[in-house]
C-alpha atoms as a PDB file:
ATOM      1  CA  UNK A   1      -2.886 -44.706 -15.012  1.00  0.00           C
ATOM      2  CA  UNK A   2      -3.404 -40.905 -15.216  1.00  0.00           C
ATOM      3  CA  UNK A   3      -1.973 -38.806 -12.407  1.00  0.00           C
ATOM      4  CA  UNK A   4      -4.275 -37.058  -9.973  1.00  0.00           C
ATOM      5  CA  UNK A   5      -5.088 -33.463 -10.899  1.00  0.00           C
ATOM      6  CA  UNK A   6      -3.324 -30.885  -8.699  1.00  0.00           C
ATOM      7  CA  UNK A   7      -6.611 -29.871  -7.079  1.00  0.00           C
ATOM      8  CA  UNK A   8      -7.123 -33.384  -5.672  1.00  0.00           C
ATOM      9  CA  UNK A   9      -3.639 -33.875  -4.224  1.00  0.00           C
ATOM     10  CA  UNK A  10      -4.195 -31.787  -1.048  1.00  0.00           C
ATOM     11  CA  UNK A  11      -7.433 -33.695  -0.397  1.00  0.00           C
ATOM     12  CA  UNK A  12      -5.711 -37.069  -0.789  1.00  0.00           C
ATOM     13  CA  UNK A  13      -2.909 -35.937   1.516  1.00  0.00           C
ATOM     14  CA  UNK A  14      -5.465 -34.831   4.120  1.00  0.00           C
ATOM     15  CA  UNK A  15      -7.200 -38.215   3.944  1.00  0.00           C
ATOM     16  CA  UNK A  16      -3.857 -39.948   4.521  1.00  0.00           C
ATOM     17  CA  UNK A  17      -3.118 -37.685   7.486  1.00  0.00           C
ATOM     18  CA  UNK A  18      -6.580 -38.069   9.018  1.00  0.00           C
ATOM     19  CA  UNK A  19      -5.918 -41.215  11.158  1.00  0.00           C
ATOM     20  CA  UNK A  20      -2.770 -39.662  12.619  1.00  0.00           C
ATOM     21  CA  UNK A  21      -4.551 -36.353  13.254  1.00  0.00           C
ATOM     22  CA  UNK A  22      -7.434 -38.122  15.005  1.00  0.00           C
ATOM     23  CA  UNK A  23      -5.049 -40.187  17.137  1.00  0.00           C
ATOM     24  CA  UNK A  24      -3.066 -37.098  18.097  1.00  0.00           C
ATOM     25  CA  UNK A  25      -6.226 -35.186  18.951  1.00  0.00           C
ATOM     26  CA  UNK A  26      -7.578 -37.955  21.168  1.00  0.00           C
ATOM     27  CA  UNK A  27      -4.213 -38.310  22.922  1.00  0.00           C
ATOM     28  CA  UNK A  28      -4.030 -34.560  23.581  1.00  0.00           C
ATOM     29  CA  UNK A  29      -7.602 -34.564  24.885  1.00  0.00           C
ATOM     30  CA  UNK A  30      -6.835 -37.421  27.287  1.00  0.00           C
ATOM     31  CA  UNK A  31      -3.688 -35.742  28.583  1.00  0.00           C
ATOM     32  CA  UNK A  32      -5.338 -32.310  28.825  1.00  0.00           C
ATOM     33  CA  UNK A  33      -8.247 -33.824  30.738  1.00  0.00           C
ATOM     34  CA  UNK A  34      -5.910 -35.560  33.165  1.00  0.00           C
ATOM     35  CA  UNK A  35      -7.194 -39.040  32.329  1.00  0.00           C
ATOM     36  CA  UNK A  36      -3.645 -40.322  31.918  1.00  0.00           C
ATOM     37  CA  UNK A  37      -3.083 -39.753  35.652  1.00  0.00           C
ATOM     38  CA  UNK A  38      -5.418 -42.645  36.369  1.00  0.00           C
ATOM     39  CA  UNK A  39      -2.845 -44.942  34.752  1.00  0.00           C
ATOM     40  CA  UNK A  40      -0.366 -44.451  37.561  1.00  0.00           C
ATOM     41  CA  UNK A  41       0.795 -46.261  40.679  1.00  0.00           C
ATOM     42  CA  UNK A  42      -1.417 -43.972  42.735  1.00  0.00           C
ATOM     43  CA  UNK A  43      -4.420 -44.860  40.585  1.00  0.00           C
ATOM     44  CA  UNK A  44      -3.574 -48.561  40.778  1.00  0.00           C
ATOM     45  CA  UNK A  45      -3.273 -48.421  44.556  1.00  0.00           C
ATOM     46  CA  UNK A  46      -6.413 -46.311  44.956  1.00  0.00           C
ATOM     47  CA  UNK A  47      -8.561 -48.698  42.901  1.00  0.00           C
ATOM     48  CA  UNK A  48      -6.673 -51.895  43.723  1.00  0.00           C
ATOM     49  CA  UNK A  49      -9.424 -53.656  45.671  1.00  0.00           C
ATOM     50  CA  UNK A  50     -12.077 -52.953  43.035  1.00  0.00           C
ATOM     51  CA  UNK A  51      -9.856 -53.964  40.113  1.00  0.00           C
ATOM     52  CA  UNK A  52      -8.643 -57.115  41.857  1.00  0.00           C
ATOM     53  CA  UNK A  53     -12.207 -58.169  42.662  1.00  0.00           C
ATOM     54  CA  UNK A  54     -13.286 -57.579  39.065  1.00  0.00           C
ATOM     55  CA  UNK A  55     -10.350 -59.583  37.690  1.00  0.00           C
ATOM     56  CA  UNK A  56     -11.065 -62.454  40.111  1.00  0.00           C
ATOM     57  CA  UNK A  57     -14.789 -62.587  39.316  1.00  0.00           C
ATOM     58  CA  UNK A  58     -14.518 -62.094  35.536  1.00  0.00           C
ATOM     59  CA  UNK A  59     -11.034 -63.241  34.561  1.00  0.00           C
ATOM     60  CA  UNK A  60     -11.494 -63.556  30.783  1.00  0.00           C
ATOM     61  CA  UNK A  61     -13.380 -60.255  30.217  1.00  0.00           C
ATOM     62  CA  UNK A  62     -10.944 -58.493  32.550  1.00  0.00           C
ATOM     63  CA  UNK A  63      -7.983 -59.783  30.540  1.00  0.00           C
ATOM     64  CA  UNK A  64      -9.616 -58.701  27.271  1.00  0.00           C
ATOM     65  CA  UNK A  65     -10.283 -55.276  28.771  1.00  0.00           C
ATOM     66  CA  UNK A  66      -6.692 -55.030  29.957  1.00  0.00           C
ATOM     67  CA  UNK A  67      -5.320 -55.887  26.500  1.00  0.00           C
ATOM     68  CA  UNK A  68      -7.738 -53.430  24.855  1.00  0.00           C
ATOM     69  CA  UNK A  69      -6.682 -50.657  27.222  1.00  0.00           C
ATOM     70  CA  UNK A  70      -3.036 -51.399  26.499  1.00  0.00           C
ATOM     71  CA  UNK A  71      -3.694 -51.197  22.754  1.00  0.00           C
ATOM     72  CA  UNK A  72      -5.244 -47.745  23.191  1.00  0.00           C
ATOM     73  CA  UNK A  73      -2.395 -46.510  25.420  1.00  0.00           C
ATOM     74  CA  UNK A  74       0.280 -47.783  23.019  1.00  0.00           C
ATOM     75  CA  UNK A  75      -1.485 -46.548  19.884  1.00  0.00           C
ATOM     76  CA  UNK A  76      -2.065 -43.064  21.293  1.00  0.00           C
ATOM     77  CA  UNK A  77       1.351 -42.864  23.000  1.00  0.00           C
ATOM     78  CA  UNK A  78      -0.323 -41.989  26.305  1.00  0.00           C
ATOM     79  CA  UNK A  79       1.951 -42.191  29.383  1.00  0.00           C
ATOM     80  CA  UNK A  80       1.439 -45.151  31.688  1.00  0.00           C
ATOM     81  CA  UNK A  81       2.594 -48.243  29.798  1.00  0.00           C
ATOM     82  CA  UNK A  82       5.054 -49.293  32.528  1.00  0.00           C
ATOM     83  CA  UNK A  83       2.337 -49.078  35.182  1.00  0.00           C
ATOM     84  CA  UNK A  84      -0.002 -51.141  33.016  1.00  0.00           C
ATOM     85  CA  UNK A  85       2.666 -53.809  32.587  1.00  0.00           C
ATOM     86  CA  UNK A  86       3.134 -53.993  36.353  1.00  0.00           C
ATOM     87  CA  UNK A  87      -0.656 -54.090  36.806  1.00  0.00           C
ATOM     88  CA  UNK A  88      -0.897 -56.981  34.346  1.00  0.00           C
ATOM     89  CA  UNK A  89       1.543 -59.041  36.386  1.00  0.00           C
ATOM     90  CA  UNK A  90      -0.208 -58.068  39.599  1.00  0.00           C
ATOM     91  CA  UNK A  91      -3.713 -58.993  38.394  1.00  0.00           C
ATOM     92  CA  UNK A  92      -3.107 -61.939  36.058  1.00  0.00           C
ATOM     93  CA  UNK A  93       0.248 -63.331  37.102  1.00  0.00           C
ATOM     94  CA  UNK A  94       3.627 -62.897  35.417  1.00  0.00           C
ATOM     95  CA  UNK A  95       3.041 -65.232  32.452  1.00  0.00           C
ATOM     96  CA  UNK A  96      -0.549 -64.365  31.507  1.00  0.00           C
ATOM     97  CA  UNK A  97      -0.074 -60.712  32.397  1.00  0.00           C
ATOM     98  CA  UNK A  98       3.156 -60.580  30.400  1.00  0.00           C
ATOM     99  CA  UNK A  99       1.518 -62.216  27.370  1.00  0.00           C
ATOM    100  CA  UNK A 100      -1.412 -59.798  27.577  1.00  0.00           C
ATOM    101  CA  UNK A 101       1.002 -56.876  27.689  1.00  0.00           C
ATOM    102  CA  UNK A 102       2.980 -58.288  24.763  1.00  0.00           C
ATOM    103  CA  UNK A 103      -0.168 -58.592  22.630  1.00  0.00           C
ATOM    104  CA  UNK A 104      -1.530 -55.169  23.601  1.00  0.00           C
ATOM    105  CA  UNK A 105       1.768 -53.324  23.179  1.00  0.00           C
ATOM    106  CA  UNK A 106       2.496 -54.946  19.814  1.00  0.00           C
ATOM    107  CA  UNK A 107      -1.006 -54.309  18.480  1.00  0.00           C
ATOM    108  CA  UNK A 108      -1.004 -50.685  19.655  1.00  0.00           C
ATOM    109  CA  UNK A 109       2.471 -50.056  18.265  1.00  0.00           C
ATOM    110  CA  UNK A 110       1.428 -51.560  14.930  1.00  0.00           C
ATOM    111  CA  UNK A 111      -1.639 -49.332  14.681  1.00  0.00           C
ATOM    112  CA  UNK A 112       0.444 -46.218  15.318  1.00  0.00           C
ATOM    113  CA  UNK A 113       3.126 -47.434  12.914  1.00  0.00           C
ATOM    114  CA  UNK A 114       0.624 -48.082  10.099  1.00  0.00           C
ATOM    115  CA  UNK A 115      -1.150 -44.757  10.639  1.00  0.00           C
ATOM    116  CA  UNK A 116       2.132 -42.829  10.618  1.00  0.00           C
ATOM    117  CA  UNK A 117       3.536 -44.765   7.643  1.00  0.00           C
ATOM    118  CA  UNK A 118       0.385 -44.078   5.637  1.00  0.00           C
ATOM    119  CA  UNK A 119       0.473 -40.392   6.521  1.00  0.00           C
ATOM    120  CA  UNK A 120       4.208 -39.643   6.510  1.00  0.00           C
ATOM    121  CA  UNK A 121       6.163 -42.590   5.139  1.00  0.00           C
ATOM    122  CA  UNK A 122       8.266 -41.648   2.125  1.00  0.00           C
ATOM    123  CA  UNK A 123       6.688 -38.196   1.801  1.00  0.00           C
ATOM    124  CA  UNK A 124       8.526 -36.722   4.801  1.00  0.00           C
ATOM    125  CA  UNK A 125      11.860 -38.371   3.958  1.00  0.00           C
ATOM    126  CA  UNK A 126      11.664 -37.155   0.365  1.00  0.00           C
ATOM    127  CA  UNK A 127      11.403 -33.579   1.605  1.00  0.00           C
ATOM    128  CA  UNK A 128      14.084 -33.913   4.284  1.00  0.00           C
ATOM    129  CA  UNK A 129      16.998 -34.141   1.862  1.00  0.00           C
ATOM    130  CA  UNK A 130      19.516 -36.716   0.662  1.00  0.00           C
ATOM    131  CA  UNK A 131      21.076 -37.301   4.077  1.00  0.00           C
ATOM    132  CA  UNK A 132      17.720 -38.271   5.569  1.00  0.00           C
ATOM    133  CA  UNK A 133      17.032 -40.491   2.562  1.00  0.00           C
ATOM    134  CA  UNK A 134      20.352 -42.330   3.083  1.00  0.00           C
ATOM    135  CA  UNK A 135      19.620 -42.823   6.793  1.00  0.00           C
ATOM    136  CA  UNK A 136      16.133 -44.131   6.006  1.00  0.00           C
ATOM    137  CA  UNK A 137      17.537 -46.495   3.380  1.00  0.00           C
ATOM    138  CA  UNK A 138      20.063 -47.855   5.882  1.00  0.00           C
ATOM    139  CA  UNK A 139      17.346 -48.355   8.463  1.00  0.00           C
ATOM    140  CA  UNK A 140      15.176 -50.216   5.952  1.00  0.00           C
ATOM    141  CA  UNK A 141      18.079 -52.414   4.879  1.00  0.00           C
ATOM    142  CA  UNK A 142      18.798 -53.632   8.441  1.00  0.00           C
ATOM    143  CA  UNK A 143      15.387 -52.830   9.914  1.00  0.00           C
ATOM    144  CA  UNK A 144      15.072 -55.869  12.165  1.00  0.00           C
ATOM    145  CA  UNK A 145      18.499 -55.426  13.759  1.00  0.00           C
ATOM    146  CA  UNK A 146      18.206 -51.688  14.381  1.00  0.00           C
ATOM    147  CA  UNK A 147      14.665 -51.906  15.723  1.00  0.00           C
ATOM    148  CA  UNK A 148      15.559 -54.864  17.938  1.00  0.00           C
ATOM    149  CA  UNK A 149      18.320 -52.821  19.580  1.00  0.00           C
ATOM    150  CA  UNK A 150      16.007 -49.835  20.091  1.00  0.00           C
ATOM    151  CA  UNK A 151      13.290 -52.047  21.563  1.00  0.00           C
ATOM    152  CA  UNK A 152      15.652 -53.766  23.991  1.00  0.00           C
ATOM    153  CA  UNK A 153      16.676 -50.470  25.610  1.00  0.00           C
ATOM    154  CA  UNK A 154      13.668 -49.217  27.652  1.00  0.00           C
ATOM    155  CA  UNK A 155      15.067 -45.672  27.887  1.00  0.00           C
ATOM    156  CA  UNK A 156      14.153 -45.066  24.226  1.00  0.00           C
ATOM    157  CA  UNK A 157      10.486 -43.925  24.075  1.00  0.00           C
ATOM    158  CA  UNK A 158       8.287 -46.680  22.682  1.00  0.00           C
ATOM    159  CA  UNK A 159       6.213 -44.310  20.555  1.00  0.00           C
ATOM    160  CA  UNK A 160       9.310 -42.665  19.100  1.00  0.00           C
ATOM    161  CA  UNK A 161      10.596 -45.973  17.727  1.00  0.00           C
ATOM    162  CA  UNK A 162       7.200 -46.554  16.107  1.00  0.00           C
ATOM    163  CA  UNK A 163       7.261 -43.163  14.394  1.00  0.00           C
ATOM    164  CA  UNK A 164      10.893 -43.422  13.251  1.00  0.00           C
ATOM    165  CA  UNK A 165      10.231 -46.808  11.671  1.00  0.00           C
ATOM    166  CA  UNK A 166       7.088 -45.490   9.990  1.00  0.00           C
ATOM    167  CA  UNK A 167       8.741 -42.376   8.582  1.00  0.00           C
ATOM    168  CA  UNK A 168      11.651 -44.446   7.265  1.00  0.00           C
ATOM    169  CA  UNK A 169       9.225 -46.740   5.428  1.00  0.00           C
ATOM    170  CA  UNK A 170      10.186 -49.939   7.259  1.00  0.00           C
ATOM    171  CA  UNK A 171       8.227 -53.030   6.162  1.00  0.00           C
ATOM    172  CA  UNK A 172       5.604 -54.449   8.513  1.00  0.00           C
ATOM    173  CA  UNK A 173       7.152 -57.910   8.972  1.00  0.00           C
ATOM    174  CA  UNK A 174      10.524 -56.827  10.448  1.00  0.00           C
ATOM    175  CA  UNK A 175       8.732 -54.191  12.513  1.00  0.00           C
ATOM    176  CA  UNK A 176       6.472 -56.821  14.086  1.00  0.00           C
ATOM    177  CA  UNK A 177       9.271 -59.332  14.660  1.00  0.00           C
ATOM    178  CA  UNK A 178      11.597 -56.767  16.250  1.00  0.00           C
ATOM    179  CA  UNK A 179       8.781 -55.397  18.419  1.00  0.00           C
ATOM    180  CA  UNK A 180       7.760 -58.781  19.827  1.00  0.00           C
ATOM    181  CA  UNK A 181      11.302 -60.011  20.458  1.00  0.00           C
ATOM    182  CA  UNK A 182      12.613 -56.627  21.588  1.00  0.00           C
ATOM    183  CA  UNK A 183       9.999 -55.793  24.219  1.00  0.00           C
ATOM    184  CA  UNK A 184       9.602 -59.343  25.565  1.00  0.00           C
ATOM    185  CA  UNK A 185      12.509 -59.236  28.101  1.00  0.00           C
ATOM    186  CA  UNK A 186      11.438 -55.959  29.750  1.00  0.00           C
ATOM    187  CA  UNK A 187       7.752 -56.895  29.507  1.00  0.00           C
ATOM    188  CA  UNK A 188       8.064 -60.155  31.420  1.00  0.00           C
ATOM    189  CA  UNK A 189      10.534 -58.603  33.860  1.00  0.00           C
ATOM    190  CA  UNK A 190       8.048 -55.857  34.742  1.00  0.00           C
ATOM    191  CA  UNK A 191       5.224 -58.413  34.898  1.00  0.00           C
ATOM    192  CA  UNK A 192       7.228 -60.537  37.355  1.00  0.00           C
ATOM    193  CA  UNK A 193       7.925 -57.407  39.405  1.00  0.00           C
ATOM    194  CA  UNK A 194       4.206 -56.603  39.411  1.00  0.00           C
ATOM    195  CA  UNK A 195       3.325 -60.126  40.524  1.00  0.00           C
ATOM    196  CA  UNK A 196       5.674 -59.724  43.486  1.00  0.00           C
ATOM    197  CA  UNK A 197       4.181 -56.400  44.573  1.00  0.00           C
ATOM    198  CA  UNK A 198       0.870 -57.841  45.770  1.00  0.00           C
ATOM    199  CA  UNK A 199       1.539 -57.464  49.504  1.00  0.00           C
ATOM    200  CA  UNK A 200       3.158 -54.053  49.061  1.00  0.00           C
ATOM    201  CA  UNK A 201       0.229 -52.777  47.015  1.00  0.00           C
ATOM    202  CA  UNK A 202      -2.233 -54.043  49.624  1.00  0.00           C
ATOM    203  CA  UNK A 203      -0.368 -52.241  52.396  1.00  0.00           C
ATOM    204  CA  UNK A 204      -0.221 -49.038  50.369  1.00  0.00           C
ATOM    205  CA  UNK A 205      -3.930 -49.332  49.513  1.00  0.00           C
ATOM    206  CA  UNK A 206      -4.836 -49.804  53.195  1.00  0.00           C
ATOM    207  CA  UNK A 207      -2.755 -46.770  54.185  1.00  0.00           C
ATOM    208  CA  UNK A 208      -4.326 -44.679  51.445  1.00  0.00           C
ATOM    209  CA  UNK A 209      -7.849 -45.697  52.480  1.00  0.00           C
ATOM    210  CA  UNK A 210      -7.106 -44.906  56.144  1.00  0.00           C
ATOM    211  CA  UNK A 211      -5.670 -41.530  55.154  1.00  0.00           C
ATOM    212  CA  UNK A 212      -8.778 -40.678  53.139  1.00  0.00           C
ATOM    213  CA  UNK A 213     -11.056 -41.879  55.933  1.00  0.00           C
ATOM    214  CA  UNK A 214      -9.262 -39.574  58.367  1.00  0.00           C
ATOM    215  CA  UNK A 215     -10.125 -36.632  56.124  1.00  0.00           C
ATOM    216  CA  UNK A 216      -6.535 -35.820  55.211  1.00  0.00           C
ATOM    217  CA  UNK A 217      -6.351 -33.700  52.080  1.00  0.00           C
ATOM    218  CA  UNK A 218      -2.999 -34.937  50.777  1.00  0.00           C
ATOM    219  CA  UNK A 219      -2.925 -38.735  50.715  1.00  0.00           C
ATOM    220  CA  UNK A 220      -0.045 -39.401  48.388  1.00  0.00           C
ATOM    221  CA  UNK A 221       1.442 -42.754  47.485  1.00  0.00           C
ATOM    222  CA  UNK A 222       4.911 -43.674  48.686  1.00  0.00           C
ATOM    223  CA  UNK A 223       6.010 -45.635  45.626  1.00  0.00           C
ATOM    224  CA  UNK A 224       8.693 -44.538  43.182  1.00  0.00           C
ATOM    225  CA  UNK A 225       8.245 -46.271  39.832  1.00  0.00           C
ATOM    226  CA  UNK A 226      11.790 -45.330  38.814  1.00  0.00           C
ATOM    227  CA  UNK A 227      13.040 -47.731  41.491  1.00  0.00           C
ATOM    228  CA  UNK A 228      11.870 -50.573  39.248  1.00  0.00           C
ATOM    229  CA  UNK A 229      14.497 -49.606  36.664  1.00  0.00           C
ATOM    230  CA  UNK A 230      17.406 -50.858  38.745  1.00  0.00           C
ATOM    231  CA  UNK A 231      20.986 -50.612  37.455  1.00  0.00           C
ATOM    232  CA  UNK A 232      21.049 -54.405  37.183  1.00  0.00           C
ATOM    233  CA  UNK A 233      17.929 -54.449  34.994  1.00  0.00           C
ATOM    234  CA  UNK A 234      19.241 -51.680  32.747  1.00  0.00           C
ATOM    235  CA  UNK A 235      22.630 -53.419  32.507  1.00  0.00           C
ATOM    236  CA  UNK A 236      20.964 -56.699  31.553  1.00  0.00           C
ATOM    237  CA  UNK A 237      18.843 -55.133  28.846  1.00  0.00           C
ATOM    238  CA  UNK A 238      21.829 -53.122  27.652  1.00  0.00           C
ATOM    239  CA  UNK A 239      23.836 -56.347  27.328  1.00  0.00           C
ATOM    240  CA  UNK A 240      21.071 -57.838  25.184  1.00  0.00           C
ATOM    241  CA  UNK A 241      21.119 -54.712  23.028  1.00  0.00           C
ATOM    242  CA  UNK A 242      24.889 -55.026  22.559  1.00  0.00           C
ATOM    243  CA  UNK A 243      24.472 -58.657  21.512  1.00  0.00           C
ATOM    244  CA  UNK A 244      21.826 -57.584  19.008  1.00  0.00           C
ATOM    245  CA  UNK A 245      24.301 -55.044  17.604  1.00  0.00           C
ATOM    246  CA  UNK A 246      26.917 -57.683  16.805  1.00  0.00           C
ATOM    247  CA  UNK A 247      25.281 -58.945  13.558  1.00  0.00           C
ATOM    248  CA  UNK A 248      24.836 -55.342  12.383  1.00  0.00           C
ATOM    249  CA  UNK A 249      28.501 -54.531  12.991  1.00  0.00           C
ATOM    250  CA  UNK A 250      29.625 -57.714  11.228  1.00  0.00           C
ATOM    251  CA  UNK A 251      27.355 -56.995   8.273  1.00  0.00           C
ATOM    252  CA  UNK A 252      28.614 -53.422   8.055  1.00  0.00           C
ATOM    253  CA  UNK A 253      32.252 -54.511   8.080  1.00  0.00           C
ATOM    254  CA  UNK A 254      31.607 -57.077   5.363  1.00  0.00           C
ATOM    255  CA  UNK A 255      29.936 -54.434   3.210  1.00  0.00           C
ATOM    256  CA  UNK A 256      32.854 -52.047   3.721  1.00  0.00           C
ATOM    257  CA  UNK A 257      35.372 -54.802   2.964  1.00  0.00           C
ATOM    258  CA  UNK A 258      33.428 -55.715  -0.188  1.00  0.00           C
ATOM    259  CA  UNK A 259      33.392 -52.103  -1.351  1.00  0.00           C
ATOM    260  CA  UNK A 260      37.142 -51.778  -0.753  1.00  0.00           C
ATOM    261  CA  UNK A 261      37.799 -54.989  -2.700  1.00  0.00           C
ATOM    262  CA  UNK A 262      35.684 -53.783  -5.596  1.00  0.00           C
ATOM    263  CA  UNK A 263      37.447 -50.416  -5.607  1.00  0.00           C
ATOM    264  CA  UNK A 264      40.912 -51.983  -5.459  1.00  0.00           C
ATOM    265  CA  UNK A 265      40.250 -54.526  -8.213  1.00  0.00           C
ATOM    266  CA  UNK A 266      41.937 -53.581 -11.519  1.00  0.00           C
ATOM    267  CA  UNK A 267      39.682 -52.593 -14.371  1.00  0.00           C
ATOM    268  CA  UNK A 268      39.562 -54.321 -17.735  1.00  0.00           C
ATOM    269  CA  UNK A 269      42.671 -53.844 -19.948  1.00  0.00           C
END
């Protein structure tokens, strides 16, 4: 098959970059316009009564809308995923809300991963030098294990893991498997937390409504989302990440031992 003429290569590269450029532009527009602030605990408390009534009256469409919103947030890397996970547990219960979050987060992550892999996969690594190529090759070789560890630790940005995997050229199957299994513990934990916040959210919503009715200008919300990430939760997820590292360490040691054996073996007479 004849190679593309040089004049067409920039156009083909632009076409490959287009989905990622569009996604980045939409995300910047949402953040610049302040729309991401609506996906916050203050926004959830402020609109709690309306959202709860909608979810109760139209459960199936509300769940579909929730999953669709999560896909958009995950695909565009817009802040607010933790709040959405809590909202899912609050509105649909820990199991259904957790499953909806799992589907939305995985689908959104996959869209971003595919867009970035199409635009940057291989091309960026090839221009980053031999060291980057070796790192990418190692990540591809043990993709499931490395990605599982990164997914289990919630302090690693979700979108960053998607982009790293895409740039390294990781295959879709291990990416999907590691994403589903890796985010499941934190997802259902946050959903259970959200399901238990019903009374607290109602109290906060009533206080906020009374504050607004009194004409007070600053009616903030007294809820710190960072309190959800307790040391016990982080320790538990960290322990799971350490367990996921064990097969990688064993595999690495076996490879090193095999290389040493091959090197030490005498050559032919």
